[in-house]
Amino acid sequence: MSDPEPLPVVPEPDEGPPAASSSSANTEADSTTQTERPHPLTPFVRGWIVLLAVALSVGRDYLPTGGDPRELPPLEFIVGGVALLALISGIAGYFSWRFTRFVIDAEVLRIDSGVLFRRSQRVAFDKVQSIDVVQPFAARLFGLAELQIDVGSHERPRLRYLARTRAYALRDYLLARARGVQAEAAEHTESASILTDLGAQDEVLITIQPQVLILAAVTSHEFWSIVASGVLAGVVGVAFGQLWPLLVIAIPTVSALFGFVGRRVIGQFNYTLSRRAHGLRISRGLTSLTSQSLPPRRVQALQLSQSPVWRRLGLYRMDLEVIGWGHVTDDEDKSGVSTILLPAGTIDQVRVALTAIWPQADFEAVELHPAPVRARWLHPFSQPFLRWGHDDRLVVSRHGWLVRRWQLVPHSRIQSVRVTQGIVSRRLGLADLQFHTAGGQLSPHASGLDAAHVLQLQAQLLQLVHHPAAVDVSEPPPPAEPPRVVSMG
């Protein structure tokens, strides 16, 4: 497979005559403008999905559903239909590839696409927040990858598909331009491993082995919830003297358990958190490999969670709230944007990940205040575990009796604070705090607080909202000053 050759630059129809300039300036502009098409195998990668969808929709009509089964058409008709569909899909894919190109000049990345209706997306380099390299299963078979460019909105410009090494090189180049570095665009970037997207310049911070993922999956509260639902359904069947439903219940329960564990392991397989000059990066996935850039400045909040068995094993899960990343990821096998920072790790790995994102934050140093005993009327199970507190950099809250959760919010990310009291909580002298951020996915809060204590801290809470924090936790700490040498004369 060969990479697409650079194409001649075609001017925009609405550009008009070029402005007068010196010949040297024109030569420099031409040298910094680069035009490419996607990889020639892109139509094959995208076309098989259409064939699979049509085959499933048509084949579903011939499955037995309890009525009169439909007879299959002649073999010649099936082969001819598949061949015709493949031909139409191939022609459509070719024209889509033929009219798709991306242009990189001194200021922006332009993506032109569309056959009948032309579409042109322009991405300014200074708007690029992060870039993810996604390799779906079909693209990975051909050594191709897709670039997803995060510009701070839910809609992400995409470049699909490029050769894997070319995608890595283009990602590094665009990230360098986003940081204001006038870098040279490399044709290829060699990766030390096709499983982790690691190069010689990467500093590996955290790796998680598959056996840890399996252990974390079979000891999670979701796993035991599936087991409990199956056992409960079986007990009900036995109580009513119906033994035949046991087999009907056992098959989907076992299938759900294997599917759950499979998603957890396959989706987070070979999880690696690494760091290089352009920032942090997370790579994960077995069938589909995702290399996700992590922008610390846009992380609004963090959440740590522990299931009951995980507390015995000392395992934690970390989830992120990032502007423009959408809802918190529940599916571990999700390709592309995932809000899972750490699928399962020890407290030491949690500290490493937190230091990588917020070097100047230490949530363990924050003193947490317990909820009053009267909060048990509103929170009968979780009252002994309710905690909250803050220092000059972080607000930390803890809640949950079955699944224990810690929520961490830097002062610099808080946009507003809401104090709420219901009818019963006012009678009990309790109040709840809600910390609003720009992400809006994790909904950080502290429940069952002493209302009098909250009123005493009202001035400090207003200080968090109306005055910027003196320290941005995502900034590296200042270098220590060398000790002064005092000479004794």
Protein backbone atom coordinates (compact mmCIF):
# COMPACT_ATOMS: atom_id res chain seq x y z
CA MET A 1 0.00 0.00 0.00
CA SER A 2 1.32 3.41 -0.94
CA ASP A 3 0.46 6.74 0.57
CA PRO A 4 -1.47 9.27 -1.52
CA GLU A 5 0.74 11.51 -3.57
CA PRO A 6 0.51 15.27 -3.04
CA LEU A 7 -1.81 16.93 -5.50
CA PRO A 8 -1.41 20.31 -7.15
CA VAL A 9 -3.01 23.13 -5.22
CA VAL A 10 -6.32 24.25 -6.73
CA PRO A 11 -7.39 27.80 -5.78
CA GLU A 12 -10.78 28.44 -4.26
CA PRO A 13 -13.46 29.64 -6.72
CA ASP A 14 -14.22 32.70 -4.62
CA GLU A 15 -10.64 33.68 -3.91
CA GLY A 16 -10.43 36.18 -6.76
CA PRO A 17 -7.17 37.51 -8.14
CA PRO A 18 -4.21 37.20 -5.80
CA ALA A 19 -2.96 40.27 -4.05
CA ALA A 20 0.20 41.82 -5.33
CA SER A 21 3.24 40.48 -3.54
CA SER A 22 6.86 39.72 -4.15
CA SER A 23 7.95 36.55 -5.92
CA SER A 24 9.73 35.32 -2.80
CA ALA A 25 6.51 35.56 -0.77
CA ASN A 26 4.63 33.58 -3.42
CA THR A 27 7.31 30.91 -3.42
CA GLU A 28 7.13 30.63 0.37
CA ALA A 29 3.32 30.36 0.31
CA ASP A 30 3.44 27.62 -2.31
CA SER A 31 5.99 25.65 -0.30
CA THR A 32 3.82 25.73 2.82
CA THR A 33 0.64 24.64 1.04
CA GLN A 34 0.01 20.92 0.85
CA THR A 35 -2.91 19.10 -0.76
CA GLU A 36 -3.71 15.41 -0.31
CA ARG A 37 -6.50 12.95 -0.88
CA PRO A 38 -7.43 10.11 1.47
CA HIS A 39 -5.82 6.74 0.99
CA PRO A 40 -6.98 4.91 -2.17
CA LEU A 41 -8.32 2.02 -0.07
CA THR A 42 -10.77 4.31 1.72
CA PRO A 43 -13.77 3.31 -0.50
CA PHE A 44 -13.23 -0.37 0.38
CA VAL A 45 -13.10 0.33 4.12
CA ARG A 46 -16.25 2.44 4.08
CA GLY A 47 -18.10 0.30 1.52
CA TRP A 48 -18.14 -2.96 3.47
CA ILE A 49 -20.26 -1.31 6.18
CA VAL A 50 -22.96 -0.55 3.60
CA LEU A 51 -22.87 -4.14 2.34
CA LEU A 52 -23.15 -5.52 5.87
CA ALA A 53 -26.09 -3.24 6.73
CA VAL A 54 -28.01 -4.24 3.59
CA ALA A 55 -27.28 -7.94 4.16
CA LEU A 56 -28.59 -7.74 7.74
CA SER A 57 -31.73 -5.83 6.78
CA VAL A 58 -32.58 -8.20 3.92
CA GLY A 59 -31.59 -11.38 5.74
CA ARG A 60 -33.75 -10.48 8.71
CA ASP A 61 -36.87 -10.96 6.57
CA TYR A 62 -35.97 -14.62 6.00
CA LEU A 63 -35.37 -15.55 9.63
CA PRO A 64 -38.01 -17.82 11.23
CA THR A 65 -40.30 -15.76 13.47
CA GLY A 66 -42.99 -18.29 14.31
CA GLY A 67 -45.04 -17.81 11.14
CA ASP A 68 -44.71 -19.34 7.72
CA PRO A 69 -41.02 -19.24 6.75
CA ARG A 70 -40.17 -17.41 3.57
CA GLU A 71 -38.30 -19.28 0.90
CA LEU A 72 -34.87 -18.04 -0.06
CA PRO A 73 -34.55 -16.65 -3.57
CA PRO A 74 -32.44 -18.53 -6.12
CA LEU A 75 -28.70 -18.52 -5.59
CA GLU A 76 -28.12 -16.72 -8.87
CA PHE A 77 -30.40 -13.90 -7.71
CA ILE A 78 -28.51 -13.56 -4.41
CA VAL A 79 -25.09 -13.54 -6.08
CA GLY A 80 -26.26 -11.06 -8.71
CA GLY A 81 -27.79 -8.76 -6.11
CA VAL A 82 -24.63 -8.79 -4.00
CA ALA A 83 -22.49 -8.12 -7.07
CA LEU A 84 -24.73 -5.24 -8.19
CA LEU A 85 -24.76 -3.74 -4.71
CA ALA A 86 -20.96 -4.06 -4.48
CA LEU A 87 -20.59 -2.37 -7.87
CA ILE A 88 -22.86 0.55 -6.91
CA SER A 89 -21.15 0.90 -3.55
CA GLY A 90 -17.73 0.83 -5.22
CA ILE A 91 -18.65 3.49 -7.77
CA ALA A 92 -20.16 5.72 -5.07
CA GLY A 93 -17.11 5.22 -2.89
CA TYR A 94 -14.75 6.05 -5.72
CA PHE A 95 -16.45 9.34 -6.52
CA SER A 96 -16.62 10.20 -2.83
CA TRP A 97 -12.86 9.56 -2.58
CA ARG A 98 -12.17 11.37 -5.84
CA PHE A 99 -13.88 14.58 -4.68
CA THR A 100 -12.48 14.53 -1.14
CA ARG A 101 -9.24 16.27 -0.31
CA PHE A 102 -7.66 18.26 2.48
CA VAL A 103 -5.44 21.28 2.08
CA ILE A 104 -2.93 22.55 4.64
CA ASP A 105 -1.65 26.08 4.21
CA ALA A 106 0.01 28.60 6.50
CA GLU A 107 -3.15 29.36 8.51
CA VAL A 108 -5.82 26.66 8.27
CA LEU A 109 -6.63 23.07 7.44
CA ARG A 110 -9.35 22.85 4.78
CA ILE A 111 -11.38 19.69 4.17
CA ASP A 112 -13.31 19.59 0.89
CA SER A 113 -15.84 16.83 0.25
CA GLY A 114 -19.08 16.08 -1.58
CA VAL A 115 -19.91 15.04 -5.15
CA LEU A 116 -23.18 16.82 -5.95
CA PHE A 117 -23.20 19.18 -3.00
CA ARG A 118 -19.75 20.48 -2.13
CA ARG A 119 -18.78 21.03 1.49
CA SER A 120 -15.70 22.83 2.73
CA GLN A 121 -14.63 22.80 6.39
CA ARG A 122 -11.94 25.15 7.61
CA VAL A 123 -10.08 24.47 10.83
CA ALA A 124 -7.78 27.19 12.11
CA PHE A 125 -4.67 25.81 13.76
CA ASP A 126 -5.13 27.92 16.88
CA LYS A 127 -8.61 26.38 17.40
CA VAL A 128 -7.35 22.79 17.53
CA GLN A 129 -7.69 21.45 21.08
CA SER A 130 -6.72 17.82 20.58
CA ILE A 131 -6.55 15.19 17.85
CA ASP A 132 -7.48 11.52 18.16
CA VAL A 133 -6.30 8.74 15.87
CA VAL A 134 -8.99 6.06 15.56
CA GLN A 135 -8.47 2.73 13.82
CA PRO A 136 -11.74 0.80 13.44
CA PHE A 137 -11.45 -2.92 12.87
CA ALA A 138 -11.90 -2.81 9.07
CA ALA A 139 -9.46 0.10 8.69
CA ARG A 140 -6.94 -1.59 10.94
CA LEU A 141 -6.89 -4.64 8.66
CA PHE A 142 -5.64 -2.42 5.84
CA GLY A 143 -3.25 -0.40 8.02
CA LEU A 144 -5.40 2.74 7.84
CA ALA A 145 -6.49 5.25 10.48
CA GLU A 146 -8.88 8.18 10.91
CA LEU A 147 -8.10 11.59 12.39
CA GLN A 148 -10.74 13.21 14.61
CA ILE A 149 -9.98 16.88 15.27
CA ASP A 150 -11.39 18.40 18.46
CA VAL A 151 -12.11 22.11 18.05
CA GLY A 152 -14.18 22.51 21.21
CA SER A 153 -17.58 21.51 19.79
CA HIS A 154 -19.53 18.28 19.48
CA GLU A 155 -18.99 18.16 15.71
CA ARG A 156 -15.47 16.98 14.95
CA PRO A 157 -13.84 17.42 11.53
CA ARG A 158 -12.59 14.02 10.34
CA LEU A 159 -9.92 12.87 7.93
CA ARG A 160 -10.71 9.31 6.84
CA TYR A 161 -8.73 7.31 5.97
CA LEU A 162 -4.94 7.73 5.92
CA ALA A 163 -2.08 5.30 6.20
CA ARG A 164 -1.43 4.67 9.89
CA THR A 165 2.08 6.16 9.94
CA ARG A 166 0.92 9.11 7.85
CA ALA A 167 -1.97 9.74 10.28
CA TYR A 168 0.47 9.81 13.21
CA ALA A 169 2.77 12.23 11.38
CA LEU A 170 -0.09 14.54 10.41
CA ARG A 171 -1.44 14.49 13.97
CA ASP A 172 1.91 15.50 15.42
CA TYR A 173 2.29 18.23 12.82
CA LEU A 174 -1.18 19.71 13.45
CA LEU A 175 -0.67 19.62 17.22
CA ALA A 176 2.65 21.41 16.81
CA ARG A 177 0.99 24.09 14.67
CA ALA A 178 -1.78 24.42 17.26
CA ARG A 179 0.90 25.23 19.86
CA GLY A 180 2.32 27.92 17.59
CA VAL A 181 5.36 25.91 16.53
CA GLN A 182 6.32 26.28 12.87
CA ALA A 183 7.12 22.61 12.42
CA GLU A 184 7.95 20.74 9.27
CA ALA A 185 5.32 18.30 8.02
CA ALA A 186 6.82 14.81 8.06
CA GLU A 187 5.64 12.22 5.55
CA HIS A 188 5.65 9.34 8.04
CA THR A 189 6.08 8.71 11.75
CA GLU A 190 7.27 5.30 12.81
CA SER A 191 5.58 3.78 15.84
CA ALA A 192 7.38 1.30 18.05
CA SER A 193 4.24 -0.81 18.44
CA ILE A 194 1.08 -1.11 16.38
CA LEU A 195 -0.82 -2.03 19.55
CA THR A 196 -0.14 1.06 21.66
CA ASP A 197 0.87 3.97 19.38
CA LEU A 198 4.13 4.45 21.23
CA GLY A 199 7.25 6.00 19.78
CA ALA A 200 10.78 6.48 20.96
CA GLN A 201 9.96 9.96 22.30
CA ASP A 202 7.00 8.84 24.43
CA GLU A 203 7.24 8.65 28.21
CA VAL A 204 5.01 5.82 29.46
CA LEU A 205 3.22 6.80 32.66
CA ILE A 206 0.65 4.00 33.20
CA THR A 207 -0.01 0.64 31.60
CA ILE A 208 -2.77 -1.79 32.58
CA GLN A 209 -2.41 -5.50 31.88
CA PRO A 210 -5.32 -7.58 30.49
CA GLN A 211 -5.47 -9.75 33.63
CA VAL A 212 -6.15 -6.63 35.70
CA LEU A 213 -8.98 -5.69 33.34
CA ILE A 214 -10.50 -9.17 33.66
CA LEU A 215 -10.24 -9.07 37.46
CA ALA A 216 -11.76 -5.60 37.55
CA ALA A 217 -14.62 -6.67 35.26
CA VAL A 218 -15.65 -9.78 37.23
CA THR A 219 -15.51 -7.88 40.54
CA SER A 220 -17.38 -4.77 39.38
CA HIS A 221 -20.85 -3.93 40.63
CA GLU A 222 -22.22 -4.11 37.06
CA PHE A 223 -21.09 -7.74 36.75
CA TRP A 224 -22.74 -8.75 40.00
CA SER A 225 -25.89 -6.83 39.08
CA ILE A 226 -26.25 -9.04 36.01
CA VAL A 227 -25.66 -12.14 38.16
CA ALA A 228 -28.18 -10.99 40.77
CA SER A 229 -30.88 -10.32 38.17
CA GLY A 230 -30.41 -13.80 36.67
CA VAL A 231 -30.47 -15.49 40.08
CA LEU A 232 -33.56 -13.54 41.12
CA ALA A 233 -35.41 -14.53 37.95
CA GLY A 234 -34.42 -18.16 38.53
CA VAL A 235 -35.63 -18.09 42.16
CA VAL A 236 -38.98 -16.70 41.05
CA GLY A 237 -39.32 -19.50 38.49
CA VAL A 238 -38.54 -22.19 41.06
CA ALA A 239 -40.95 -20.63 43.59
CA PHE A 240 -43.80 -20.99 41.11
CA GLY A 241 -42.79 -24.54 40.24
CA GLN A 242 -41.65 -23.67 36.75
CA LEU A 243 -38.25 -25.24 36.11
CA TRP A 244 -38.18 -24.82 32.33
CA PRO A 245 -37.64 -21.02 32.54
CA LEU A 246 -34.29 -21.66 34.25
CA LEU A 247 -32.68 -22.58 30.94
CA VAL A 248 -34.33 -19.63 29.23
CA ILE A 249 -32.94 -17.31 31.92
CA ALA A 250 -29.49 -18.90 32.14
CA ILE A 251 -28.62 -18.53 28.45
CA PRO A 252 -29.13 -14.73 28.18
CA THR A 253 -27.56 -14.20 31.62
CA VAL A 254 -24.38 -16.06 30.68
CA SER A 255 -24.34 -14.30 27.30
CA ALA A 256 -24.69 -10.92 29.02
CA LEU A 257 -21.83 -11.73 31.42
CA PHE A 258 -19.48 -12.79 28.63
CA GLY A 259 -20.46 -9.75 26.57
CA PHE A 260 -19.86 -7.40 29.51
CA VAL A 261 -16.43 -8.83 30.34
CA GLY A 262 -15.52 -8.89 26.64
CA ARG A 263 -16.36 -5.21 26.20
CA ARG A 264 -14.36 -4.25 29.27
CA VAL A 265 -11.28 -6.18 28.18
CA ILE A 266 -11.41 -5.55 24.42
CA GLY A 267 -12.26 -1.86 24.76
CA GLN A 268 -9.44 -1.12 27.24
CA PHE A 269 -6.93 -3.70 26.03
CA ASN A 270 -3.32 -2.53 26.28
CA TYR A 271 -4.36 0.70 27.99
CA THR A 272 -1.40 3.10 28.02
CA LEU A 273 -1.15 6.65 29.32
CA SER A 274 1.91 8.35 27.84
CA ARG A 275 3.36 11.81 27.47
CA ARG A 276 5.37 13.49 24.74
CA ALA A 277 6.18 17.05 23.74
CA HIS A 278 2.71 17.65 22.29
CA GLY A 279 0.88 16.54 25.46
CA LEU A 280 -0.75 13.51 27.06
CA ARG A 281 -2.09 10.58 25.06
CA ILE A 282 -4.20 7.51 25.85
CA SER A 283 -4.12 4.47 23.58
CA ARG A 284 -6.40 1.47 24.05
CA GLY A 285 -8.34 -1.19 22.21
CA LEU A 286 -7.81 -4.64 20.73
CA THR A 287 -9.96 -4.88 17.60
CA SER A 288 -10.24 -1.10 17.23
CA LEU A 289 -7.28 0.97 18.41
CA THR A 290 -7.89 4.51 19.64
CA SER A 291 -5.10 6.98 20.32
CA GLN A 292 -6.75 9.84 22.18
CA SER A 293 -5.11 13.18 22.96
CA LEU A 294 -5.87 14.56 26.40
CA PRO A 295 -6.01 18.36 26.88
CA PRO A 296 -5.50 19.08 30.63
CA ARG A 297 -6.67 22.70 30.35
CA ARG A 298 -10.14 21.58 29.24
CA VAL A 299 -10.62 19.00 31.99
CA GLN A 300 -13.34 20.48 34.21
CA ALA A 301 -13.74 17.77 36.85
CA LEU A 302 -12.64 14.26 37.80
CA GLN A 303 -14.52 11.40 39.40
CA LEU A 304 -13.05 8.40 41.22
CA SER A 305 -15.28 5.39 41.87
CA GLN A 306 -14.96 2.09 43.74
CA SER A 307 -17.30 -0.88 43.86
CA PRO A 308 -17.56 -2.86 47.14
CA VAL A 309 -15.11 -5.56 45.99
CA TRP A 310 -12.79 -2.99 44.44
CA ARG A 311 -12.36 -1.41 47.87
CA ARG A 312 -10.89 -4.72 49.05
CA LEU A 313 -8.66 -4.94 45.98
CA GLY A 314 -7.59 -1.30 46.12
CA LEU A 315 -8.81 -0.53 42.57
CA TYR A 316 -10.22 2.77 41.32
CA ARG A 317 -11.82 4.02 38.13
CA MET A 318 -11.31 7.60 36.93
CA ASP A 319 -13.72 9.48 34.67
CA LEU A 320 -13.21 12.89 33.10
CA GLU A 321 -15.45 15.84 32.38
CA VAL A 322 -14.05 17.64 29.34
CA ILE A 323 -15.58 20.48 27.34
CA GLY A 324 -16.96 19.20 24.04
CA TRP A 325 -16.58 15.49 24.81
CA GLY A 326 -20.28 14.82 25.37
CA HIS A 327 -21.74 12.56 28.04
CA VAL A 328 -19.69 10.39 30.38
CA THR A 329 -18.77 7.13 28.64
CA ASP A 330 -20.64 4.07 29.90
CA ASP A 331 -19.59 1.69 27.11
CA GLU A 332 -15.98 0.60 27.57
CA ASP A 333 -15.80 -0.56 23.95
CA LYS A 334 -16.56 2.87 22.54
CA SER A 335 -14.25 3.90 19.71
CA GLY A 336 -13.19 7.51 19.47
CA VAL A 337 -14.05 9.94 22.26
CA SER A 338 -14.04 8.26 25.67
CA THR A 339 -14.22 10.02 29.03
CA ILE A 340 -12.56 7.09 30.85
CA LEU A 341 -9.17 8.24 32.10
CA LEU A 342 -8.29 5.10 34.08
CA PRO A 343 -10.45 1.95 33.66
CA ALA A 344 -9.01 0.21 36.74
CA GLY A 345 -5.90 1.20 38.65
CA THR A 346 -4.29 1.32 42.05
CA ILE A 347 -4.05 4.42 44.20
CA ASP A 348 -0.46 4.93 43.00
CA GLN A 349 -1.65 4.94 39.39
CA VAL A 350 -4.42 7.35 40.35
CA ARG A 351 -1.80 9.72 41.77
CA VAL A 352 0.30 9.46 38.61
CA ALA A 353 -2.69 10.18 36.35
CA LEU A 354 -3.84 13.09 38.51
CA THR A 355 -0.33 14.56 38.59
CA ALA A 356 -0.11 14.28 34.80
CA ILE A 357 -3.34 16.27 34.35
CA TRP A 358 -3.24 18.60 37.35
CA PRO A 359 0.38 18.83 38.56
CA GLN A 360 -0.51 21.29 41.32
CA ALA A 361 -3.47 19.38 42.80
CA ASP A 362 -3.43 16.88 45.66
CA PHE A 363 -6.91 15.65 46.55
CA GLU A 364 -5.62 13.52 49.43
CA ALA A 365 -4.37 16.64 51.21
CA VAL A 366 -7.87 18.21 51.29
CA GLU A 367 -9.52 17.90 54.72
CA LEU A 368 -13.00 16.40 54.32
CA HIS A 369 -15.80 17.25 56.77
CA PRO A 370 -18.41 14.56 57.61
CA ALA A 371 -22.14 15.10 57.28
CA PRO A 372 -24.08 15.57 60.55
CA VAL A 373 -25.85 12.56 62.05
CA ARG A 374 -29.28 14.05 61.34
CA ALA A 375 -28.53 13.71 57.62
CA ARG A 376 -29.35 10.01 58.06
CA TRP A 377 -33.06 10.95 57.78
CA LEU A 378 -32.48 11.95 54.15
CA HIS A 379 -29.56 9.65 53.38
CA PRO A 380 -30.13 6.54 55.51
CA PHE A 381 -27.45 4.41 53.86
CA SER A 382 -24.85 6.90 52.61
CA GLN A 383 -24.78 9.34 55.56
CA PRO A 384 -21.72 7.74 57.23
CA PHE A 385 -19.78 8.17 53.96
CA LEU A 386 -20.78 11.72 52.99
CA ARG A 387 -17.78 14.06 53.06
CA TRP A 388 -16.76 17.33 51.51
CA GLY A 389 -14.02 19.96 51.79
CA HIS A 390 -11.75 22.28 49.85
CA ASP A 391 -8.37 23.92 49.95
CA ASP A 392 -7.00 26.79 47.88
CA ARG A 393 -7.02 24.69 44.68
CA LEU A 394 -9.58 21.87 44.79
CA VAL A 395 -13.11 21.16 45.95
CA VAL A 396 -13.54 17.48 46.89
CA SER A 397 -16.75 15.64 47.75
CA ARG A 398 -17.42 11.98 48.57
CA HIS A 399 -20.73 10.13 48.45
CA GLY A 400 -22.26 6.72 47.80
CA TRP A 401 -22.61 3.69 50.08
CA LEU A 402 -22.55 0.85 47.56
CA VAL A 403 -20.38 2.47 44.88
CA ARG A 404 -18.11 5.01 46.58
CA ARG A 405 -17.39 8.13 44.49
CA TRP A 406 -15.04 11.09 44.90
CA GLN A 407 -15.59 14.21 42.77
CA LEU A 408 -12.74 16.69 42.27
CA VAL A 409 -13.27 20.20 40.88
CA PRO A 410 -10.53 22.86 40.65
CA HIS A 411 -11.49 26.36 41.77
CA SER A 412 -10.52 27.74 38.37
CA ARG A 413 -13.15 25.53 36.68
CA ILE A 414 -16.12 26.48 38.89
CA GLN A 415 -18.54 28.85 37.17
CA SER A 416 -21.28 28.95 39.80
CA VAL A 417 -22.25 27.39 43.13
CA ARG A 418 -25.84 26.60 44.08
CA VAL A 419 -27.10 26.01 47.62
CA THR A 420 -30.36 24.00 47.69
CA GLN A 421 -32.73 23.14 50.53
CA GLY A 422 -35.98 21.23 50.37
CA ILE A 423 -38.84 21.30 52.86
CA VAL A 424 -37.45 18.43 54.93
CA SER A 425 -33.82 19.54 54.69
CA ARG A 426 -34.75 23.01 56.00
CA ARG A 427 -36.43 21.43 59.03
CA LEU A 428 -33.31 19.34 59.62
CA GLY A 429 -30.93 22.24 59.08
CA LEU A 430 -29.30 20.61 56.05
CA ALA A 431 -28.25 21.89 52.65
CA ASP A 432 -26.76 20.59 49.40
CA LEU A 433 -24.09 22.22 47.26
CA GLN A 434 -23.87 21.97 43.49
CA PHE A 435 -20.74 23.09 41.62
CA HIS A 436 -21.41 24.08 38.02
CA THR A 437 -18.67 23.80 35.42
CA ALA A 438 -18.49 24.35 31.67
CA GLY A 439 -18.60 20.59 31.01
CA GLY A 440 -21.85 19.76 32.76
CA GLN A 441 -21.48 15.95 32.61
CA LEU A 442 -20.43 14.77 36.07
CA SER A 443 -22.60 17.26 38.05
CA PRO A 444 -20.25 17.64 41.05
CA HIS A 445 -22.14 18.08 44.29
CA ALA A 446 -21.98 17.65 48.06
CA SER A 447 -25.07 16.38 49.91
CA GLY A 448 -26.31 16.41 53.49
CA LEU A 449 -24.24 19.37 54.72
CA ASP A 450 -24.82 21.36 57.86
CA ALA A 451 -26.69 24.49 56.68
CA ALA A 452 -25.12 26.70 59.36
CA HIS A 453 -21.65 25.58 58.31
CA VAL A 454 -22.50 26.30 54.65
CA LEU A 455 -23.65 29.82 55.55
CA GLN A 456 -20.39 30.42 57.39
CA LEU A 457 -18.50 29.41 54.26
CA GLN A 458 -20.70 31.49 51.96
CA ALA A 459 -18.07 34.20 51.58
CA GLN A 460 -15.46 31.62 50.62
CA LEU A 461 -17.84 30.04 48.10
CA LEU A 462 -18.49 33.40 46.48
CA GLN A 463 -14.74 33.94 46.38
CA LEU A 464 -14.41 30.74 44.33
CA VAL A 465 -16.90 31.97 41.74
CA HIS A 466 -16.21 35.69 41.40
CA HIS A 467 -12.44 35.71 41.71
CA PRO A 468 -10.08 33.65 39.57
CA ALA A 469 -7.95 31.12 41.37
CA ALA A 470 -4.41 32.19 42.09
CA VAL A 471 -3.10 28.85 40.78
CA ASP A 472 -4.18 26.91 37.70
CA VAL A 473 -3.79 23.27 38.67
CA SER A 474 -3.08 22.23 35.05
CA GLU A 475 0.07 24.37 34.96
CA PRO A 476 3.34 22.72 35.99
CA PRO A 477 4.66 23.93 39.35
CA PRO A 478 7.27 26.70 39.19
CA PRO A 479 10.85 25.54 39.44
CA ALA A 480 12.32 25.68 42.89
CA GLU A 481 14.64 28.59 43.44
CA PRO A 482 18.21 27.61 44.17
CA PRO A 483 19.25 28.34 47.75
CA ARG A 484 21.05 31.59 48.30
CA VAL A 485 24.66 31.43 49.20
CA VAL A 486 25.45 33.93 51.89
CA SER A 487 29.11 34.61 52.35
CA MET A 488 30.26 35.44 55.83
CA GLY A 489 32.77 38.25 55.67
